[in-house]
Amino acid sequence: MKTLDFLAIGDIVVDNFIRLEEAEVHCDIDNEECTISMNWGDKIPFESSTPISAVGNSPNAAVSAARLGLSTGLMTWMGTDRLGDDCMDVLVREGINGDFISRSKEVPTNAHYVLWFHAERTILIKHNEFPYHFPELVAPKYIYLSSLAPTAHLIHEALAEWLPRHPQTKLIFQPGTFQIEVGKDAMAPLYKNTEIVACNKEEAERILERGEDDIKNLLRDMRALGPKIALITDGPNGAFVFDGEQILTVPMYPDPRPPVDRTGAGDAFTSTFGIALALGKPLHEAMLWGPINSMSVVQQLGAQKGLLTRQALETYLKNVPDGYKVSVL
């Protein structure tokens, strides 16, 4: 086995994008929570249905890393079915090392359904319960851990034991739905061995088990869980990072056109930020990288089509608009 720059660990999915024609969005002005509704019992027309293979938080990060020039692998689990074959085709095309991909005859490949209305989406998710295991591996420079099924606690426990024995490997942890739901105490051994923890503001509030809070408090308390660096994105308010010494903030990179689909924007930001650090970039420069890839992703359907190559991202960096800069909060 060769040493990888970047090993992503997490479930892989086929997203089926269902573009809705008829729906209503209702928002609560007080807490900004919105719901989508359709007539109960009706036949609801839709505009199109588009399957996109080999996505999910960690596969998206793997594709991001490969396109930005890192030697990249993916540890994931899928079925031996047609959907699994489609996922493998994508990973091979992207040049991602498949030594740590496990395929099961008994468990089908994950399929999610994305209700796509305007630029926003609601995702119906189900993580199938695979026979998870953590194999022997040559320590990569970075591990990127994200969404896994509720039964994947074995992976979390194995990593919590493995990381202290391999200090040359840095962990980027982007908690997924079920990793947040089990609570910060259950995930404490992983947080203590994390280099970078990344989430959005609402996820940080759920992880810390509190209501709406100031971004500075959230950053400090997320870092207090154990990570050396806490990164929190906050939609149109930009992103914030705290390394124990200073809080930096960067605005969104302006969209050249109205977004097509916001799926994968957070994955693009987090992975690109971590990849920039893996490439030796300083913290303030890594903050400039993330929003650019995020902006590019939302201009395309799905989480991966818009991910940039290193050359394309550096071109954006050379031509940033006025006001696009990192500031100390």
C-alpha atoms as a PDB file:
ATOM      1  CA  MET A   1       0.000   0.000   0.000  1.00  0.00           C
ATOM      2  CA  LYS A   2       1.227   3.486  -0.806  1.00  0.00           C
ATOM      3  CA  THR A   3       0.866   6.455   1.509  1.00  0.00           C
ATOM      4  CA  LEU A   4      -2.130   8.542   0.538  1.00  0.00           C
ATOM      5  CA  ASP A   5      -2.392  12.290   1.010  1.00  0.00           C
ATOM      6  CA  PHE A   6      -6.104  12.079   1.746  1.00  0.00           C
ATOM      7  CA  LEU A   7      -8.357   9.193   2.785  1.00  0.00           C
ATOM      8  CA  ALA A   8     -12.091   9.925   3.034  1.00  0.00           C
ATOM      9  CA  ILE A   9     -14.237   7.619   5.193  1.00  0.00           C
ATOM     10  CA  GLY A  10     -18.018   7.566   4.932  1.00  0.00           C
ATOM     11  CA  ASP A  11     -21.086   6.167   3.237  1.00  0.00           C
ATOM     12  CA  ILE A  12     -21.571   6.437  -0.507  1.00  0.00           C
ATOM     13  CA  VAL A  13     -24.943   7.204  -2.061  1.00  0.00           C
ATOM     14  CA  VAL A  14     -26.813   7.515  -5.331  1.00  0.00           C
ATOM     15  CA  ASP A  15     -28.858  10.734  -5.166  1.00  0.00           C
ATOM     16  CA  ASN A  16     -32.046  10.770  -7.213  1.00  0.00           C
ATOM     17  CA  PHE A  17     -32.954  14.409  -7.903  1.00  0.00           C
ATOM     18  CA  ILE A  18     -36.709  14.841  -8.349  1.00  0.00           C
ATOM     19  CA  ARG A  19     -37.437  18.330  -9.661  1.00  0.00           C
ATOM     20  CA  LEU A  20     -40.831  19.392  -8.346  1.00  0.00           C
ATOM     21  CA  GLU A  21     -43.271  21.493 -10.338  1.00  0.00           C
ATOM     22  CA  GLU A  22     -45.949  22.045  -7.722  1.00  0.00           C
ATOM     23  CA  ALA A  23     -45.107  22.733  -4.083  1.00  0.00           C
ATOM     24  CA  GLU A  24     -45.454  25.465  -1.482  1.00  0.00           C
ATOM     25  CA  VAL A  25     -42.831  26.704   0.970  1.00  0.00           C
ATOM     26  CA  HIS A  26     -43.965  28.058   4.338  1.00  0.00           C
ATOM     27  CA  CYS A  27     -41.534  29.889   6.637  1.00  0.00           C
ATOM     28  CA  ASP A  28     -41.795  30.869  10.284  1.00  0.00           C
ATOM     29  CA  ILE A  29     -40.521  34.443  10.459  1.00  0.00           C
ATOM     30  CA  ASP A  30     -39.571  34.156  14.137  1.00  0.00           C
ATOM     31  CA  ASN A  31     -37.208  31.177  13.882  1.00  0.00           C
ATOM     32  CA  GLU A  32     -36.588  31.098  10.107  1.00  0.00           C
ATOM     33  CA  GLU A  33     -37.674  27.455   9.871  1.00  0.00           C
ATOM     34  CA  CYS A  34     -39.294  26.528   6.575  1.00  0.00           C
ATOM     35  CA  THR A  35     -41.391  23.576   5.441  1.00  0.00           C
ATOM     36  CA  ILE A  36     -42.371  22.359   1.994  1.00  0.00           C
ATOM     37  CA  SER A  37     -45.895  21.086   1.389  1.00  0.00           C
ATOM     38  CA  MET A  38     -47.841  19.267  -1.306  1.00  0.00           C
ATOM     39  CA  ASN A  39     -51.431  18.133  -1.420  1.00  0.00           C
ATOM     40  CA  TRP A  40     -51.972  14.940   0.566  1.00  0.00           C
ATOM     41  CA  GLY A  41     -53.289  12.034  -1.496  1.00  0.00           C
ATOM     42  CA  ASP A  42     -52.742  13.753  -4.858  1.00  0.00           C
ATOM     43  CA  LYS A  43     -50.693  12.685  -7.830  1.00  0.00           C
ATOM     44  CA  ILE A  44     -47.922  15.275  -7.774  1.00  0.00           C
ATOM     45  CA  PRO A  45     -46.374  16.133 -11.164  1.00  0.00           C
ATOM     46  CA  PHE A  46     -42.613  16.524 -11.341  1.00  0.00           C
ATOM     47  CA  GLU A  47     -40.407  18.022 -14.013  1.00  0.00           C
ATOM     48  CA  SER A  48     -37.536  15.533 -14.103  1.00  0.00           C
ATOM     49  CA  SER A  49     -35.691  12.788 -12.255  1.00  0.00           C
ATOM     50  CA  THR A  50     -31.884  12.656 -12.393  1.00  0.00           C
ATOM     51  CA  PRO A  51     -29.755  10.008 -10.636  1.00  0.00           C
ATOM     52  CA  ILE A  52     -26.252  11.101  -9.581  1.00  0.00           C
ATOM     53  CA  SER A  53     -23.885   8.340  -8.475  1.00  0.00           C
ATOM     54  CA  ALA A  54     -21.029   8.162  -5.952  1.00  0.00           C
ATOM     55  CA  VAL A  55     -22.050  11.114  -3.790  1.00  0.00           C
ATOM     56  CA  GLY A  56     -22.277  11.618  -0.034  1.00  0.00           C
ATOM     57  CA  ASN A  57     -20.206  13.841   2.256  1.00  0.00           C
ATOM     58  CA  SER A  58     -17.043  11.748   2.150  1.00  0.00           C
ATOM     59  CA  PRO A  59     -17.167  10.725  -1.542  1.00  0.00           C
ATOM     60  CA  ASN A  60     -17.710  14.400  -2.382  1.00  0.00           C
ATOM     61  CA  ALA A  61     -14.626  15.290  -0.339  1.00  0.00           C
ATOM     62  CA  ALA A  62     -12.638  12.553  -2.089  1.00  0.00           C
ATOM     63  CA  VAL A  63     -13.535  13.899  -5.530  1.00  0.00           C
ATOM     64  CA  SER A  64     -12.660  17.416  -4.361  1.00  0.00           C
ATOM     65  CA  ALA A  65      -9.237  16.250  -3.135  1.00  0.00           C
ATOM     66  CA  ALA A  66      -8.494  14.261  -6.294  1.00  0.00           C
ATOM     67  CA  ARG A  67      -9.346  17.182  -8.574  1.00  0.00           C
ATOM     68  CA  LEU A  68      -7.153  19.500  -6.488  1.00  0.00           C
ATOM     69  CA  GLY A  69      -4.183  17.208  -6.950  1.00  0.00           C
ATOM     70  CA  LEU A  70      -3.941  15.040  -3.816  1.00  0.00           C
ATOM     71  CA  SER A  71      -3.427  11.276  -3.971  1.00  0.00           C
ATOM     72  CA  THR A  72      -6.811  10.244  -2.662  1.00  0.00           C
ATOM     73  CA  GLY A  73      -8.557   7.125  -1.420  1.00  0.00           C
ATOM     74  CA  LEU A  74     -12.055   6.339  -0.214  1.00  0.00           C
ATOM     75  CA  MET A  75     -13.110   3.898   2.513  1.00  0.00           C
ATOM     76  CA  THR A  76     -16.764   3.137   1.901  1.00  0.00           C
ATOM     77  CA  TRP A  77     -19.321   0.350   1.643  1.00  0.00           C
ATOM     78  CA  MET A  78     -21.750  -0.440  -1.171  1.00  0.00           C
ATOM     79  CA  GLY A  79     -23.659  -3.310  -2.735  1.00  0.00           C
ATOM     80  CA  THR A  80     -22.643  -5.514  -5.651  1.00  0.00           C
ATOM     81  CA  ASP A  81     -25.727  -4.194  -7.470  1.00  0.00           C
ATOM     82  CA  ARG A  82     -26.021  -1.940 -10.507  1.00  0.00           C
ATOM     83  CA  LEU A  83     -26.022   1.212  -8.352  1.00  0.00           C
ATOM     84  CA  GLY A  84     -22.734   0.061  -6.829  1.00  0.00           C
ATOM     85  CA  ASP A  85     -21.288  -0.513 -10.292  1.00  0.00           C
ATOM     86  CA  ASP A  86     -22.323   3.023 -11.271  1.00  0.00           C
ATOM     87  CA  CYS A  87     -20.580   4.401  -8.179  1.00  0.00           C
ATOM     88  CA  MET A  88     -17.409   2.466  -8.963  1.00  0.00           C
ATOM     89  CA  ASP A  89     -17.377   3.851 -12.506  1.00  0.00           C
ATOM     90  CA  VAL A  90     -17.378   7.397 -11.131  1.00  0.00           C
ATOM     91  CA  LEU A  91     -14.609   6.729  -8.611  1.00  0.00           C
ATOM     92  CA  VAL A  92     -12.391   5.090 -11.236  1.00  0.00           C
ATOM     93  CA  ARG A  93     -12.955   8.006 -13.599  1.00  0.00           C
ATOM     94  CA  GLU A  94     -11.963  10.471 -10.853  1.00  0.00           C
ATOM     95  CA  GLY A  95      -8.741   8.556 -10.117  1.00  0.00           C
ATOM     96  CA  ILE A  96      -9.691   7.639  -6.540  1.00  0.00           C
ATOM     97  CA  ASN A  97      -7.906   4.700  -4.896  1.00  0.00           C
ATOM     98  CA  GLY A  98     -10.402   1.907  -4.221  1.00  0.00           C
ATOM     99  CA  ASP A  99      -8.324  -0.359  -1.968  1.00  0.00           C
ATOM    100  CA  PHE A 100     -10.632   0.342   0.988  1.00  0.00           C
ATOM    101  CA  ILE A 101     -13.979  -0.072  -0.779  1.00  0.00           C
ATOM    102  CA  SER A 102     -16.073  -3.002   0.459  1.00  0.00           C
ATOM    103  CA  ARG A 103     -18.967  -4.446  -1.541  1.00  0.00           C
ATOM    104  CA  SER A 104     -21.734  -6.597  -0.085  1.00  0.00           C
ATOM    105  CA  LYS A 105     -23.985  -9.116  -1.818  1.00  0.00           C
ATOM    106  CA  GLU A 106     -26.552  -8.881   0.987  1.00  0.00           C
ATOM    107  CA  VAL A 107     -26.859  -5.092   1.454  1.00  0.00           C
ATOM    108  CA  PRO A 108     -27.910  -2.793  -1.423  1.00  0.00           C
ATOM    109  CA  THR A 109     -26.128   0.430  -2.280  1.00  0.00           C
ATOM    110  CA  ASN A 110     -27.572   3.482  -0.533  1.00  0.00           C
ATOM    111  CA  ALA A 111     -30.106   5.477  -2.537  1.00  0.00           C
ATOM    112  CA  HIS A 112     -31.411   8.858  -1.397  1.00  0.00           C
ATOM    113  CA  TYR A 113     -34.197  10.952  -2.883  1.00  0.00           C
ATOM    114  CA  VAL A 114     -33.777  14.687  -3.290  1.00  0.00           C
ATOM    115  CA  LEU A 115     -36.945  16.778  -3.527  1.00  0.00           C
ATOM    116  CA  TRP A 116     -35.588  19.693  -5.557  1.00  0.00           C
ATOM    117  CA  PHE A 117     -37.630  22.896  -5.619  1.00  0.00           C
ATOM    118  CA  HIS A 118     -36.041  26.098  -6.952  1.00  0.00           C
ATOM    119  CA  ALA A 119     -32.424  26.152  -5.615  1.00  0.00           C
ATOM    120  CA  GLU A 120     -33.185  24.368  -2.339  1.00  0.00           C
ATOM    121  CA  ARG A 121     -33.741  20.705  -1.583  1.00  0.00           C
ATOM    122  CA  THR A 122     -35.092  18.337   1.012  1.00  0.00           C
ATOM    123  CA  ILE A 123     -33.364  14.945   1.071  1.00  0.00           C
ATOM    124  CA  LEU A 124     -34.994  11.674   2.054  1.00  0.00           C
ATOM    125  CA  ILE A 125     -32.142   9.628   3.514  1.00  0.00           C
ATOM    126  CA  LYS A 126     -31.617   6.020   4.538  1.00  0.00           C
ATOM    127  CA  HIS A 127     -28.211   4.588   5.385  1.00  0.00           C
ATOM    128  CA  ASN A 128     -28.244   0.822   4.939  1.00  0.00           C
ATOM    129  CA  GLU A 129     -26.524  -1.201   7.638  1.00  0.00           C
ATOM    130  CA  PHE A 130     -23.350  -2.614   6.115  1.00  0.00           C
ATOM    131  CA  PRO A 131     -20.912  -4.968   7.874  1.00  0.00           C
ATOM    132  CA  TYR A 132     -18.560  -2.130   8.809  1.00  0.00           C
ATOM    133  CA  HIS A 133     -14.924  -2.907   9.585  1.00  0.00           C
ATOM    134  CA  PHE A 134     -11.729  -0.882   9.872  1.00  0.00           C
ATOM    135  CA  PRO A 135      -8.901  -2.511   7.894  1.00  0.00           C
ATOM    136  CA  GLU A 136      -5.150  -2.210   8.290  1.00  0.00           C
ATOM    137  CA  LEU A 137      -3.824   0.781   6.407  1.00  0.00           C
ATOM    138  CA  VAL A 138      -0.669   2.773   5.884  1.00  0.00           C
ATOM    139  CA  ALA A 139      -1.196   6.054   7.732  1.00  0.00           C
ATOM    140  CA  PRO A 140      -2.356   8.744   5.286  1.00  0.00           C
ATOM    141  CA  LYS A 141      -1.491  12.393   5.820  1.00  0.00           C
ATOM    142  CA  TYR A 142      -5.141  13.331   6.313  1.00  0.00           C
ATOM    143  CA  ILE A 143      -8.312  11.362   7.072  1.00  0.00           C
ATOM    144  CA  TYR A 144     -11.673  12.934   6.306  1.00  0.00           C
ATOM    145  CA  LEU A 145     -14.533  11.416   8.312  1.00  0.00           C
ATOM    146  CA  SER A 146     -18.182  12.180   7.753  1.00  0.00           C
ATOM    147  CA  SER A 147     -21.641  10.650   7.435  1.00  0.00           C
ATOM    148  CA  LEU A 148     -22.062   6.973   8.365  1.00  0.00           C
ATOM    149  CA  ALA A 149     -25.037   4.826   9.390  1.00  0.00           C
ATOM    150  CA  PRO A 150     -26.045   4.600  13.076  1.00  0.00           C
ATOM    151  CA  THR A 151     -24.518   1.099  13.220  1.00  0.00           C
ATOM    152  CA  ALA A 152     -21.038   2.354  12.269  1.00  0.00           C
ATOM    153  CA  HIS A 153     -19.905   2.961  15.849  1.00  0.00           C
ATOM    154  CA  LEU A 154     -17.202   0.330  15.233  1.00  0.00           C
ATOM    155  CA  ILE A 155     -15.511   2.731  12.790  1.00  0.00           C
ATOM    156  CA  HIS A 156     -15.646   5.561  15.312  1.00  0.00           C
ATOM    157  CA  GLU A 157     -14.203   3.374  18.076  1.00  0.00           C
ATOM    158  CA  ALA A 158     -11.458   1.990  15.829  1.00  0.00           C
ATOM    159  CA  LEU A 159     -10.429   5.466  14.678  1.00  0.00           C
ATOM    160  CA  ALA A 160     -10.366   6.776  18.252  1.00  0.00           C
ATOM    161  CA  GLU A 161      -7.864   4.014  19.082  1.00  0.00           C
ATOM    162  CA  TRP A 162      -5.915   4.259  15.820  1.00  0.00           C
ATOM    163  CA  LEU A 163      -5.314   8.022  15.670  1.00  0.00           C
ATOM    164  CA  PRO A 164      -3.236   8.392  18.890  1.00  0.00           C
ATOM    165  CA  ARG A 165      -0.939   5.628  17.574  1.00  0.00           C
ATOM    166  CA  HIS A 166      -0.484   7.476  14.260  1.00  0.00           C
ATOM    167  CA  PRO A 167       0.064  11.153  15.163  1.00  0.00           C
ATOM    168  CA  GLN A 168       1.351  11.835  11.634  1.00  0.00           C
ATOM    169  CA  THR A 169      -2.264  11.557  10.418  1.00  0.00           C
ATOM    170  CA  LYS A 170      -4.580  14.543  10.901  1.00  0.00           C
ATOM    171  CA  LEU A 171      -8.340  14.019  11.140  1.00  0.00           C
ATOM    172  CA  ILE A 172     -10.879  16.319   9.490  1.00  0.00           C
ATOM    173  CA  PHE A 173     -14.272  15.544  11.035  1.00  0.00           C
ATOM    174  CA  GLN A 174     -17.467  16.801   9.392  1.00  0.00           C
ATOM    175  CA  PRO A 175     -20.182  15.217  11.577  1.00  0.00           C
ATOM    176  CA  GLY A 176     -23.072  13.690   9.657  1.00  0.00           C
ATOM    177  CA  THR A 177     -26.694  13.385  10.722  1.00  0.00           C
ATOM    178  CA  PHE A 178     -26.367  10.279  12.880  1.00  0.00           C
ATOM    179  CA  GLN A 179     -22.976  11.292  14.298  1.00  0.00           C
ATOM    180  CA  ILE A 180     -24.653  14.448  15.582  1.00  0.00           C
ATOM    181  CA  GLU A 181     -27.703  12.580  16.895  1.00  0.00           C
ATOM    182  CA  VAL A 182     -25.706  10.215  19.140  1.00  0.00           C
ATOM    183  CA  GLY A 183     -24.423  13.238  21.044  1.00  0.00           C
ATOM    184  CA  LYS A 184     -21.095  14.871  21.790  1.00  0.00           C
ATOM    185  CA  ASP A 185     -20.373  12.600  24.754  1.00  0.00           C
ATOM    186  CA  ALA A 186     -20.565   9.449  22.632  1.00  0.00           C
ATOM    187  CA  MET A 187     -18.279  11.059  20.030  1.00  0.00           C
ATOM    188  CA  ALA A 188     -15.908  12.583  22.614  1.00  0.00           C
ATOM    189  CA  PRO A 189     -12.987  10.181  21.901  1.00  0.00           C
ATOM    190  CA  LEU A 190     -13.045  11.261  18.253  1.00  0.00           C
ATOM    191  CA  TYR A 191     -13.373  14.978  18.936  1.00  0.00           C
ATOM    192  CA  LYS A 192     -10.313  14.747  21.192  1.00  0.00           C
ATOM    193  CA  ASN A 193      -8.255  13.337  18.301  1.00  0.00           C
ATOM    194  CA  THR A 194      -9.509  15.747  15.632  1.00  0.00           C
ATOM    195  CA  GLU A 195      -7.422  18.339  13.827  1.00  0.00           C
ATOM    196  CA  ILE A 196     -10.348  20.162  12.169  1.00  0.00           C
ATOM    197  CA  VAL A 197     -14.034  19.928  13.064  1.00  0.00           C
ATOM    198  CA  ALA A 198     -16.402  21.483  10.533  1.00  0.00           C
ATOM    199  CA  CYS A 199     -20.153  22.056  10.490  1.00  0.00           C
ATOM    200  CA  ASN A 200     -22.720  24.756   9.848  1.00  0.00           C
ATOM    201  CA  LYS A 201     -24.102  27.018  12.570  1.00  0.00           C
ATOM    202  CA  GLU A 202     -27.302  25.031  13.125  1.00  0.00           C
ATOM    203  CA  GLU A 203     -25.326  21.788  13.400  1.00  0.00           C
ATOM    204  CA  ALA A 204     -22.954  23.375  15.930  1.00  0.00           C
ATOM    205  CA  GLU A 205     -25.944  24.353  18.065  1.00  0.00           C
ATOM    206  CA  ARG A 206     -27.267  20.786  17.921  1.00  0.00           C
ATOM    207  CA  ILE A 207     -23.867  19.271  18.708  1.00  0.00           C
ATOM    208  CA  LEU A 208     -23.475  21.574  21.701  1.00  0.00           C
ATOM    209  CA  GLU A 209     -27.104  20.934  22.743  1.00  0.00           C
ATOM    210  CA  ARG A 210     -28.215  24.538  22.902  1.00  0.00           C
ATOM    211  CA  GLY A 211     -30.480  27.030  21.184  1.00  0.00           C
ATOM    212  CA  GLU A 212     -29.390  29.843  18.946  1.00  0.00           C
ATOM    213  CA  ASP A 213     -26.056  31.272  20.059  1.00  0.00           C
ATOM    214  CA  ASP A 214     -23.369  33.737  19.041  1.00  0.00           C
ATOM    215  CA  ILE A 215     -20.864  32.426  16.500  1.00  0.00           C
ATOM    216  CA  LYS A 216     -17.922  33.253  18.786  1.00  0.00           C
ATOM    217  CA  ASN A 217     -19.331  31.120  21.588  1.00  0.00           C
ATOM    218  CA  LEU A 218     -20.017  28.256  19.199  1.00  0.00           C
ATOM    219  CA  LEU A 219     -16.482  28.349  17.798  1.00  0.00           C
ATOM    220  CA  ARG A 220     -14.864  28.350  21.227  1.00  0.00           C
ATOM    221  CA  ASP A 221     -17.085  25.585  22.562  1.00  0.00           C
ATOM    222  CA  MET A 222     -16.697  23.399  19.459  1.00  0.00           C
ATOM    223  CA  ARG A 223     -12.930  23.723  19.808  1.00  0.00           C
ATOM    224  CA  ALA A 224     -13.215  22.946  23.527  1.00  0.00           C
ATOM    225  CA  LEU A 225     -14.452  19.464  22.552  1.00  0.00           C
ATOM    226  CA  GLY A 226     -10.877  18.713  21.502  1.00  0.00           C
ATOM    227  CA  PRO A 227     -10.220  19.776  17.889  1.00  0.00           C
ATOM    228  CA  LYS A 228      -7.320  22.124  17.190  1.00  0.00           C
ATOM    229  CA  ILE A 229      -9.361  24.079  14.627  1.00  0.00           C
ATOM    230  CA  ALA A 230     -13.113  24.743  14.593  1.00  0.00           C
ATOM    231  CA  LEU A 231     -14.750  25.774  11.296  1.00  0.00           C
ATOM    232  CA  ILE A 232     -18.385  26.906  11.160  1.00  0.00           C
ATOM    233  CA  THR A 233     -20.234  28.042   8.047  1.00  0.00           C
ATOM    234  CA  ASP A 234     -23.248  30.331   8.334  1.00  0.00           C
ATOM    235  CA  GLY A 235     -24.839  30.588   4.900  1.00  0.00           C
ATOM    236  CA  PRO A 236     -25.007  34.158   3.585  1.00  0.00           C
ATOM    237  CA  ASN A 237     -23.090  35.379   6.649  1.00  0.00           C
ATOM    238  CA  GLY A 238     -19.961  33.600   5.464  1.00  0.00           C
ATOM    239  CA  ALA A 239     -17.675  31.246   7.371  1.00  0.00           C
ATOM    240  CA  PHE A 240     -15.682  31.446  10.589  1.00  0.00           C
ATOM    241  CA  VAL A 241     -12.665  29.595  11.933  1.00  0.00           C
ATOM    242  CA  PHE A 242     -10.980  29.519  15.350  1.00  0.00           C
ATOM    243  CA  ASP A 243      -7.538  28.022  15.943  1.00  0.00           C
ATOM    244  CA  GLY A 244      -7.251  28.899  19.635  1.00  0.00           C
ATOM    245  CA  GLU A 245      -5.582  32.237  18.958  1.00  0.00           C
ATOM    246  CA  GLN A 246      -7.805  34.197  16.616  1.00  0.00           C
ATOM    247  CA  ILE A 247     -11.193  34.028  14.914  1.00  0.00           C
ATOM    248  CA  LEU A 248     -11.084  34.585  11.165  1.00  0.00           C
ATOM    249  CA  THR A 249     -14.067  35.176   8.901  1.00  0.00           C
ATOM    250  CA  VAL A 250     -14.543  35.135   5.128  1.00  0.00           C
ATOM    251  CA  PRO A 251     -17.652  36.136   3.130  1.00  0.00           C
ATOM    252  CA  MET A 252     -19.382  33.989   0.559  1.00  0.00           C
ATOM    253  CA  TYR A 253     -17.800  34.153  -2.880  1.00  0.00           C
ATOM    254  CA  PRO A 254     -20.350  35.984  -5.065  1.00  0.00           C
ATOM    255  CA  ASP A 255     -22.489  33.749  -7.266  1.00  0.00           C
ATOM    256  CA  PRO A 256     -22.037  34.656 -10.960  1.00  0.00           C
ATOM    257  CA  ARG A 257     -25.608  33.455 -11.593  1.00  0.00           C
ATOM    258  CA  PRO A 258     -28.506  32.350  -9.398  1.00  0.00           C
ATOM    259  CA  PRO A 259     -27.669  28.969  -7.795  1.00  0.00           C
ATOM    260  CA  VAL A 260     -28.994  25.856  -9.527  1.00  0.00           C
ATOM    261  CA  ASP A 261     -28.784  23.521  -6.520  1.00  0.00           C
ATOM    262  CA  ARG A 262     -27.128  23.924  -3.108  1.00  0.00           C
ATOM    263  CA  THR A 263     -26.469  20.222  -2.522  1.00  0.00           C
ATOM    264  CA  GLY A 264     -22.830  19.653  -1.564  1.00  0.00           C
ATOM    265  CA  ALA A 265     -21.952  23.303  -0.926  1.00  0.00           C
ATOM    266  CA  GLY A 266     -20.892  22.546   2.664  1.00  0.00           C
ATOM    267  CA  ASP A 267     -18.905  19.486   1.610  1.00  0.00           C
ATOM    268  CA  ALA A 268     -17.095  21.558  -1.006  1.00  0.00           C
ATOM    269  CA  PHE A 269     -16.217  24.280   1.495  1.00  0.00           C
ATOM    270  CA  THR A 270     -15.017  21.931   4.247  1.00  0.00           C
ATOM    271  CA  SER A 271     -13.022  19.605   2.021  1.00  0.00           C
ATOM    272  CA  THR A 272     -11.382  22.445   0.084  1.00  0.00           C
ATOM    273  CA  PHE A 273     -10.415  24.239   3.302  1.00  0.00           C
ATOM    274  CA  GLY A 274      -8.813  21.037   4.633  1.00  0.00           C
ATOM    275  CA  ILE A 275      -7.138  20.273   1.301  1.00  0.00           C
ATOM    276  CA  ALA A 276      -5.564  23.738   1.232  1.00  0.00           C
ATOM    277  CA  LEU A 277      -4.072  23.088   4.683  1.00  0.00           C
ATOM    278  CA  ALA A 278      -2.891  19.656   3.504  1.00  0.00           C
ATOM    279  CA  LEU A 279      -1.118  21.425   0.644  1.00  0.00           C
ATOM    280  CA  GLY A 280       0.706  23.613   3.164  1.00  0.00           C
ATOM    281  CA  LYS A 281      -1.370  26.771   2.785  1.00  0.00           C
ATOM    282  CA  PRO A 282      -1.711  29.034   5.854  1.00  0.00           C
ATOM    283  CA  LEU A 283      -5.051  29.252   7.627  1.00  0.00           C
ATOM    284  CA  HIS A 284      -6.113  32.598   6.144  1.00  0.00           C
ATOM    285  CA  GLU A 285      -5.431  31.374   2.593  1.00  0.00           C
ATOM    286  CA  ALA A 286      -7.304  28.112   3.183  1.00  0.00           C
ATOM    287  CA  MET A 287     -10.308  30.231   4.157  1.00  0.00           C
ATOM    288  CA  LEU A 288     -10.219  31.876   0.716  1.00  0.00           C
ATOM    289  CA  TRP A 289     -10.203  28.497  -1.061  1.00  0.00           C
ATOM    290  CA  GLY A 290     -13.356  27.065   0.498  1.00  0.00           C
ATOM    291  CA  PRO A 291     -16.010  29.552  -0.687  1.00  0.00           C
ATOM    292  CA  ILE A 292     -14.742  29.445  -4.268  1.00  0.00           C
ATOM    293  CA  ASN A 293     -15.333  25.720  -4.666  1.00  0.00           C
ATOM    294  CA  SER A 294     -18.625  26.050  -2.826  1.00  0.00           C
ATOM    295  CA  MET A 295     -19.750  28.781  -5.236  1.00  0.00           C
ATOM    296  CA  SER A 296     -18.801  26.623  -8.221  1.00  0.00           C
ATOM    297  CA  VAL A 297     -20.697  23.591  -6.914  1.00  0.00           C
ATOM    298  CA  VAL A 298     -24.037  25.403  -6.543  1.00  0.00           C
ATOM    299  CA  GLN A 299     -23.882  26.427 -10.203  1.00  0.00           C
ATOM    300  CA  GLN A 300     -24.403  22.775 -11.221  1.00  0.00           C
ATOM    301  CA  LEU A 301     -26.824  19.992 -10.372  1.00  0.00           C
ATOM    302  CA  GLY A 302     -25.470  17.657  -7.705  1.00  0.00           C
ATOM    303  CA  ALA A 303     -22.552  17.802  -5.316  1.00  0.00           C
ATOM    304  CA  GLN A 304     -19.622  17.022  -7.615  1.00  0.00           C
ATOM    305  CA  LYS A 305     -20.042  18.370 -11.134  1.00  0.00           C
ATOM    306  CA  GLY A 306     -18.937  21.868 -10.150  1.00  0.00           C
ATOM    307  CA  LEU A 307     -15.886  20.851  -8.101  1.00  0.00           C
ATOM    308  CA  LEU A 308     -12.853  22.674  -9.475  1.00  0.00           C
ATOM    309  CA  THR A 309      -9.419  21.574 -10.556  1.00  0.00           C
ATOM    310  CA  ARG A 310      -6.397  23.176  -8.906  1.00  0.00           C
ATOM    311  CA  GLN A 311      -5.743  25.334 -11.977  1.00  0.00           C
ATOM    312  CA  ALA A 312      -9.330  26.585 -12.150  1.00  0.00           C
ATOM    313  CA  LEU A 313      -9.453  27.400  -8.429  1.00  0.00           C
ATOM    314  CA  GLU A 314      -6.155  29.292  -8.584  1.00  0.00           C
ATOM    315  CA  THR A 315      -7.505  31.323 -11.509  1.00  0.00           C
ATOM    316  CA  TYR A 316     -10.414  32.416  -9.319  1.00  0.00           C
ATOM    317  CA  LEU A 317      -7.950  33.309  -6.534  1.00  0.00           C
ATOM    318  CA  LYS A 318      -6.071  35.613  -8.898  1.00  0.00           C
ATOM    319  CA  ASN A 319      -9.249  37.446  -9.862  1.00  0.00           C
ATOM    320  CA  VAL A 320     -11.204  37.802  -6.613  1.00  0.00           C
ATOM    321  CA  PRO A 321     -13.746  40.641  -6.470  1.00  0.00           C
ATOM    322  CA  ASP A 322     -13.383  43.643  -4.198  1.00  0.00           C
ATOM    323  CA  GLY A 323     -14.310  42.846  -0.611  1.00  0.00           C
ATOM    324  CA  TYR A 324     -13.489  39.158  -0.869  1.00  0.00           C
ATOM    325  CA  LYS A 325     -10.911  38.867   1.897  1.00  0.00           C
ATOM    326  CA  VAL A 326     -10.313  37.261   5.265  1.00  0.00           C
ATOM    327  CA  SER A 327     -10.869  39.425   8.344  1.00  0.00           C
ATOM    328  CA  VAL A 328     -10.174  39.008  12.049  1.00  0.00           C
ATOM    329  CA  LEU A 329     -13.400  38.941  14.047  1.00  0.00           C
END
